[in-house]
Amino acid sequence: MAAHESILILNEAQIEQKINRLAFQIYEQNFEEKHVLVCGIAERGYLLAQKIYNKLKEISDFELQLCEVKVDKNNLHATEIKLNPHPGDLKDKSVILCDDVLYTGKTLAYAAMPFLEGGAKKLQCLVLIQRNHSTFPVQPTYIGMSLATTLQEHVSVKLRAEEEEMVVLG
């Protein structure tokens, strides 16, 4: 692939299909739960979480709550992880932690800390794209697509209200 060549991997309709499938998988794995907290890592992970949350509202009878997880991705070990809004007591809640792309697993590992420390009933991770380069012991429960990439390639997920696409950038 040339230095700046990009290849469209998923278009808007295909991303929507992935989101629908992921939401149904969450419902199937959590149908007995009373309260499900859908959390997304800011920015694109939160946009993905919003889409999953909206689909779950259509198909499930969970008590649902949406939360944004704010972390400094460039300084994970020295940053405070903020939950907005704070979900309160986590002991009776099943948490779905969402991010757009899983590369090394480091961001998901750090973002999971408040839920582990808060005693969440269950913690599951969801990613739209898994790149298979994990260096941290993070294995998502829900995967939209596994993508074999080189370390030099960059995966960009664009989630917006008007257009969605996922591209691999060289």
C-alpha atoms as a PDB file:
ATOM      1  CA  MET A   1       0.000   0.000   0.000  1.00  0.00           C
ATOM      2  CA  ALA A   2       1.369   3.445  -0.906  1.00  0.00           C
ATOM      3  CA  ALA A   3       2.304   5.861   1.873  1.00  0.00           C
ATOM      4  CA  HIS A   4      -0.996   7.790   1.886  1.00  0.00           C
ATOM      5  CA  GLU A   5      -3.291   5.355   0.136  1.00  0.00           C
ATOM      6  CA  SER A   6      -6.478   4.537   1.981  1.00  0.00           C
ATOM      7  CA  ILE A   7      -8.843   1.649   1.453  1.00  0.00           C
ATOM      8  CA  LEU A   8     -12.478   1.708   2.473  1.00  0.00           C
ATOM      9  CA  ILE A   9     -13.165  -1.463   4.463  1.00  0.00           C
ATOM     10  CA  LEU A  10     -16.697  -0.852   5.760  1.00  0.00           C
ATOM     11  CA  ASN A  11     -19.264   1.614   4.491  1.00  0.00           C
ATOM     12  CA  GLU A  12     -22.116   3.148   6.475  1.00  0.00           C
ATOM     13  CA  ALA A  13     -24.572   0.312   5.793  1.00  0.00           C
ATOM     14  CA  GLN A  14     -22.003  -2.340   6.736  1.00  0.00           C
ATOM     15  CA  ILE A  15     -21.143  -0.540   9.986  1.00  0.00           C
ATOM     16  CA  GLU A  16     -24.847  -0.334  10.798  1.00  0.00           C
ATOM     17  CA  GLN A  17     -25.134  -4.105  10.223  1.00  0.00           C
ATOM     18  CA  LYS A  18     -22.199  -4.703  12.580  1.00  0.00           C
ATOM     19  CA  ILE A  19     -23.752  -2.475  15.250  1.00  0.00           C
ATOM     20  CA  ASN A  20     -27.092  -4.293  14.960  1.00  0.00           C
ATOM     21  CA  ARG A  21     -25.396  -7.684  15.265  1.00  0.00           C
ATOM     22  CA  LEU A  22     -23.325  -6.556  18.243  1.00  0.00           C
ATOM     23  CA  ALA A  23     -26.428  -5.226  20.018  1.00  0.00           C
ATOM     24  CA  PHE A  24     -28.249  -8.531  19.513  1.00  0.00           C
ATOM     25  CA  GLN A  25     -25.207 -10.425  20.820  1.00  0.00           C
ATOM     26  CA  ILE A  26     -25.187  -8.230  23.932  1.00  0.00           C
ATOM     27  CA  TYR A  27     -28.883  -8.895  24.429  1.00  0.00           C
ATOM     28  CA  GLU A  28     -28.394 -12.669  24.025  1.00  0.00           C
ATOM     29  CA  GLN A  29     -25.516 -12.733  26.537  1.00  0.00           C
ATOM     30  CA  ASN A  30     -27.234 -10.469  29.073  1.00  0.00           C
ATOM     31  CA  PHE A  31     -30.958 -11.180  28.725  1.00  0.00           C
ATOM     32  CA  GLU A  32     -31.254 -12.012  32.438  1.00  0.00           C
ATOM     33  CA  GLU A  33     -29.632  -8.764  33.568  1.00  0.00           C
ATOM     34  CA  LYS A  34     -31.713  -6.002  35.093  1.00  0.00           C
ATOM     35  CA  HIS A  35     -29.314  -3.089  34.592  1.00  0.00           C
ATOM     36  CA  VAL A  36     -26.803  -2.684  31.751  1.00  0.00           C
ATOM     37  CA  LEU A  37     -24.383   0.216  31.603  1.00  0.00           C
ATOM     38  CA  VAL A  38     -23.090   0.994  28.101  1.00  0.00           C
ATOM     39  CA  CYS A  39     -19.837   2.954  28.324  1.00  0.00           C
ATOM     40  CA  GLY A  40     -17.710   4.344  25.533  1.00  0.00           C
ATOM     41  CA  ILE A  41     -14.152   5.599  25.569  1.00  0.00           C
ATOM     42  CA  ALA A  42     -14.144   9.210  24.377  1.00  0.00           C
ATOM     43  CA  GLU A  43     -14.373  10.134  21.384  1.00  0.00           C
ATOM     44  CA  ARG A  44     -15.165   7.429  18.835  1.00  0.00           C
ATOM     45  CA  GLY A  45     -15.711   4.711  21.425  1.00  0.00           C
ATOM     46  CA  TYR A  46     -18.420   6.871  22.957  1.00  0.00           C
ATOM     47  CA  LEU A  47     -20.068   7.448  19.565  1.00  0.00           C
ATOM     48  CA  LEU A  48     -20.085   3.671  19.096  1.00  0.00           C
ATOM     49  CA  ALA A  49     -21.529   3.213  22.608  1.00  0.00           C
ATOM     50  CA  GLN A  50     -24.329   5.659  21.760  1.00  0.00           C
ATOM     51  CA  LYS A  51     -25.234   3.622  18.691  1.00  0.00           C
ATOM     52  CA  ILE A  52     -25.180   0.361  20.659  1.00  0.00           C
ATOM     53  CA  TYR A  53     -27.233   1.969  23.449  1.00  0.00           C
ATOM     54  CA  ASN A  54     -29.864   3.221  20.976  1.00  0.00           C
ATOM     55  CA  LYS A  55     -30.190  -0.211  19.378  1.00  0.00           C
ATOM     56  CA  LEU A  56     -30.437  -1.923  22.779  1.00  0.00           C
ATOM     57  CA  LYS A  57     -33.241   0.491  23.725  1.00  0.00           C
ATOM     58  CA  GLU A  58     -35.159  -0.803  20.689  1.00  0.00           C
ATOM     59  CA  ILE A  59     -34.660  -4.539  21.281  1.00  0.00           C
ATOM     60  CA  SER A  60     -34.222  -5.102  25.018  1.00  0.00           C
ATOM     61  CA  ASP A  61     -36.031  -4.529  28.282  1.00  0.00           C
ATOM     62  CA  PHE A  62     -32.904  -3.758  30.318  1.00  0.00           C
ATOM     63  CA  GLU A  63     -32.692  -0.696  32.459  1.00  0.00           C
ATOM     64  CA  LEU A  64     -30.058   1.035  30.325  1.00  0.00           C
ATOM     65  CA  GLN A  65     -27.604   3.774  31.161  1.00  0.00           C
ATOM     66  CA  LEU A  66     -25.077   5.471  28.871  1.00  0.00           C
ATOM     67  CA  CYS A  67     -21.723   6.755  30.128  1.00  0.00           C
ATOM     68  CA  GLU A  68     -18.637   8.346  28.579  1.00  0.00           C
ATOM     69  CA  VAL A  69     -15.199   7.243  29.783  1.00  0.00           C
ATOM     70  CA  LYS A  70     -12.646  10.048  29.539  1.00  0.00           C
ATOM     71  CA  VAL A  71      -8.964   9.112  29.540  1.00  0.00           C
ATOM     72  CA  ASP A  72      -5.809  10.752  28.256  1.00  0.00           C
ATOM     73  CA  LYS A  73      -4.764   8.182  25.660  1.00  0.00           C
ATOM     74  CA  ASN A  74      -1.272   9.684  25.478  1.00  0.00           C
ATOM     75  CA  ASN A  75      -0.653   9.413  29.231  1.00  0.00           C
ATOM     76  CA  LEU A  76      -2.834   6.542  30.458  1.00  0.00           C
ATOM     77  CA  HIS A  77      -0.937   5.612  33.613  1.00  0.00           C
ATOM     78  CA  ALA A  78      -0.824   9.177  34.968  1.00  0.00           C
ATOM     79  CA  THR A  79      -4.341  10.323  34.209  1.00  0.00           C
ATOM     80  CA  GLU A  80      -7.528  10.215  36.210  1.00  0.00           C
ATOM     81  CA  ILE A  81     -10.252   8.276  34.441  1.00  0.00           C
ATOM     82  CA  LYS A  82     -13.530  10.182  34.499  1.00  0.00           C
ATOM     83  CA  LEU A  83     -17.006   8.759  33.990  1.00  0.00           C
ATOM     84  CA  ASN A  84     -19.614  11.163  32.657  1.00  0.00           C
ATOM     85  CA  PRO A  85     -22.208  10.963  33.997  1.00  0.00           C
ATOM     86  CA  HIS A  86     -20.987   8.908  36.929  1.00  0.00           C
ATOM     87  CA  PRO A  87     -23.120   5.748  37.000  1.00  0.00           C
ATOM     88  CA  GLY A  88     -23.269   5.520  40.798  1.00  0.00           C
ATOM     89  CA  ASP A  89     -23.057   2.145  42.519  1.00  0.00           C
ATOM     90  CA  LEU A  90     -21.753  -0.489  40.088  1.00  0.00           C
ATOM     91  CA  LYS A  91     -22.363  -3.618  42.171  1.00  0.00           C
ATOM     92  CA  ASP A  92     -25.617  -4.592  40.440  1.00  0.00           C
ATOM     93  CA  LYS A  93     -24.629  -3.396  36.968  1.00  0.00           C
ATOM     94  CA  SER A  94     -23.315  -5.231  33.952  1.00  0.00           C
ATOM     95  CA  VAL A  95     -20.942  -3.001  32.016  1.00  0.00           C
ATOM     96  CA  ILE A  96     -20.312  -3.005  28.266  1.00  0.00           C
ATOM     97  CA  LEU A  97     -17.101  -1.012  27.651  1.00  0.00           C
ATOM     98  CA  CYS A  98     -16.873   0.137  24.009  1.00  0.00           C
ATOM     99  CA  ASP A  99     -14.038   1.388  21.834  1.00  0.00           C
ATOM    100  CA  ASP A 100     -13.727   1.730  18.093  1.00  0.00           C
ATOM    101  CA  VAL A 101     -10.402  -0.061  17.474  1.00  0.00           C
ATOM    102  CA  LEU A 102      -8.479  -2.525  19.646  1.00  0.00           C
ATOM    103  CA  TYR A 103      -4.804  -2.241  18.800  1.00  0.00           C
ATOM    104  CA  THR A 104      -2.594  -3.091  21.803  1.00  0.00           C
ATOM    105  CA  GLY A 105      -5.338  -3.320  24.432  1.00  0.00           C
ATOM    106  CA  LYS A 106      -3.711  -0.695  26.643  1.00  0.00           C
ATOM    107  CA  THR A 107      -6.524   1.867  26.449  1.00  0.00           C
ATOM    108  CA  LEU A 108      -9.213  -0.716  27.217  1.00  0.00           C
ATOM    109  CA  ALA A 109      -7.161  -2.120  30.099  1.00  0.00           C
ATOM    110  CA  TYR A 110      -6.834   1.294  31.743  1.00  0.00           C
ATOM    111  CA  ALA A 111     -10.412   2.337  30.962  1.00  0.00           C
ATOM    112  CA  ALA A 112     -11.693  -0.813  32.698  1.00  0.00           C
ATOM    113  CA  MET A 113     -10.134   0.169  36.043  1.00  0.00           C
ATOM    114  CA  PRO A 114     -13.013   2.245  37.488  1.00  0.00           C
ATOM    115  CA  PHE A 115     -15.435  -0.605  36.786  1.00  0.00           C
ATOM    116  CA  LEU A 116     -13.154  -3.210  38.338  1.00  0.00           C
ATOM    117  CA  GLU A 117     -12.481  -1.009  41.357  1.00  0.00           C
ATOM    118  CA  GLY A 118     -16.191  -0.165  41.642  1.00  0.00           C
ATOM    119  CA  GLY A 119     -17.157  -3.835  41.817  1.00  0.00           C
ATOM    120  CA  ALA A 120     -19.222  -4.069  38.644  1.00  0.00           C
ATOM    121  CA  LYS A 121     -21.287  -7.243  38.499  1.00  0.00           C
ATOM    122  CA  LYS A 122     -19.956  -8.066  35.020  1.00  0.00           C
ATOM    123  CA  LEU A 123     -17.537  -6.299  32.649  1.00  0.00           C
ATOM    124  CA  GLN A 124     -17.553  -7.041  28.933  1.00  0.00           C
ATOM    125  CA  CYS A 125     -15.625  -5.238  26.201  1.00  0.00           C
ATOM    126  CA  LEU A 126     -16.866  -4.394  22.722  1.00  0.00           C
ATOM    127  CA  VAL A 127     -14.783  -3.179  19.787  1.00  0.00           C
ATOM    128  CA  LEU A 128     -15.818  -2.445  16.249  1.00  0.00           C
ATOM    129  CA  ILE A 129     -12.397  -3.473  14.899  1.00  0.00           C
ATOM    130  CA  GLN A 130      -9.858  -5.838  16.449  1.00  0.00           C
ATOM    131  CA  ARG A 131      -6.408  -5.487  14.883  1.00  0.00           C
ATOM    132  CA  ASN A 132      -4.769  -8.558  16.463  1.00  0.00           C
ATOM    133  CA  HIS A 133      -1.689  -6.790  17.862  1.00  0.00           C
ATOM    134  CA  SER A 134      -2.521  -7.089  21.576  1.00  0.00           C
ATOM    135  CA  THR A 135       0.291  -6.512  24.046  1.00  0.00           C
ATOM    136  CA  PHE A 136      -2.052  -6.260  27.051  1.00  0.00           C
ATOM    137  CA  PRO A 137      -4.239  -9.138  28.274  1.00  0.00           C
ATOM    138  CA  VAL A 138      -7.476  -7.745  26.846  1.00  0.00           C
ATOM    139  CA  GLN A 139      -9.806  -9.914  24.828  1.00  0.00           C
ATOM    140  CA  PRO A 140     -13.066  -8.260  23.791  1.00  0.00           C
ATOM    141  CA  THR A 141     -16.313 -10.142  24.347  1.00  0.00           C
ATOM    142  CA  TYR A 142     -17.895  -8.577  21.259  1.00  0.00           C
ATOM    143  CA  ILE A 143     -16.011  -7.919  18.012  1.00  0.00           C
ATOM    144  CA  GLY A 144     -17.487  -6.252  14.942  1.00  0.00           C
ATOM    145  CA  MET A 145     -14.626  -7.314  12.682  1.00  0.00           C
ATOM    146  CA  SER A 146     -11.130  -8.763  13.047  1.00  0.00           C
ATOM    147  CA  LEU A 147      -8.698  -7.134  10.687  1.00  0.00           C
ATOM    148  CA  ALA A 148      -5.177  -8.320   9.891  1.00  0.00           C
ATOM    149  CA  THR A 149      -2.998  -5.229   9.556  1.00  0.00           C
ATOM    150  CA  THR A 150       0.672  -4.460   9.679  1.00  0.00           C
ATOM    151  CA  LEU A 151       2.075  -2.417  12.550  1.00  0.00           C
ATOM    152  CA  GLN A 152       2.706   0.449  10.131  1.00  0.00           C
ATOM    153  CA  GLU A 153      -0.893   0.664   8.947  1.00  0.00           C
ATOM    154  CA  HIS A 154      -3.412   2.905  10.665  1.00  0.00           C
ATOM    155  CA  VAL A 155      -7.099   2.110  11.061  1.00  0.00           C
ATOM    156  CA  SER A 156      -9.447   5.066  11.190  1.00  0.00           C
ATOM    157  CA  VAL A 157     -13.100   4.730  12.138  1.00  0.00           C
ATOM    158  CA  LYS A 158     -15.279   7.688  11.263  1.00  0.00           C
ATOM    159  CA  LEU A 159     -18.557   7.673  13.144  1.00  0.00           C
ATOM    160  CA  ARG A 160     -20.709  10.720  12.556  1.00  0.00           C
ATOM    161  CA  ALA A 161     -24.421  11.347  12.349  1.00  0.00           C
ATOM    162  CA  GLU A 162     -24.328  11.923   8.596  1.00  0.00           C
ATOM    163  CA  GLU A 163     -21.734   9.380   7.459  1.00  0.00           C
ATOM    164  CA  GLU A 164     -19.906   6.360   8.819  1.00  0.00           C
ATOM    165  CA  GLU A 165     -16.938   4.583   7.353  1.00  0.00           C
ATOM    166  CA  MET A 166     -13.903   2.624   8.396  1.00  0.00           C
ATOM    167  CA  VAL A 167     -10.706   2.964   6.434  1.00  0.00           C
ATOM    168  CA  VAL A 168      -7.204   1.554   6.708  1.00  0.00           C
ATOM    169  CA  LEU A 169      -4.559   4.191   6.140  1.00  0.00           C
ATOM    170  CA  GLY A 170      -1.008   3.290   5.167  1.00  0.00           C
END
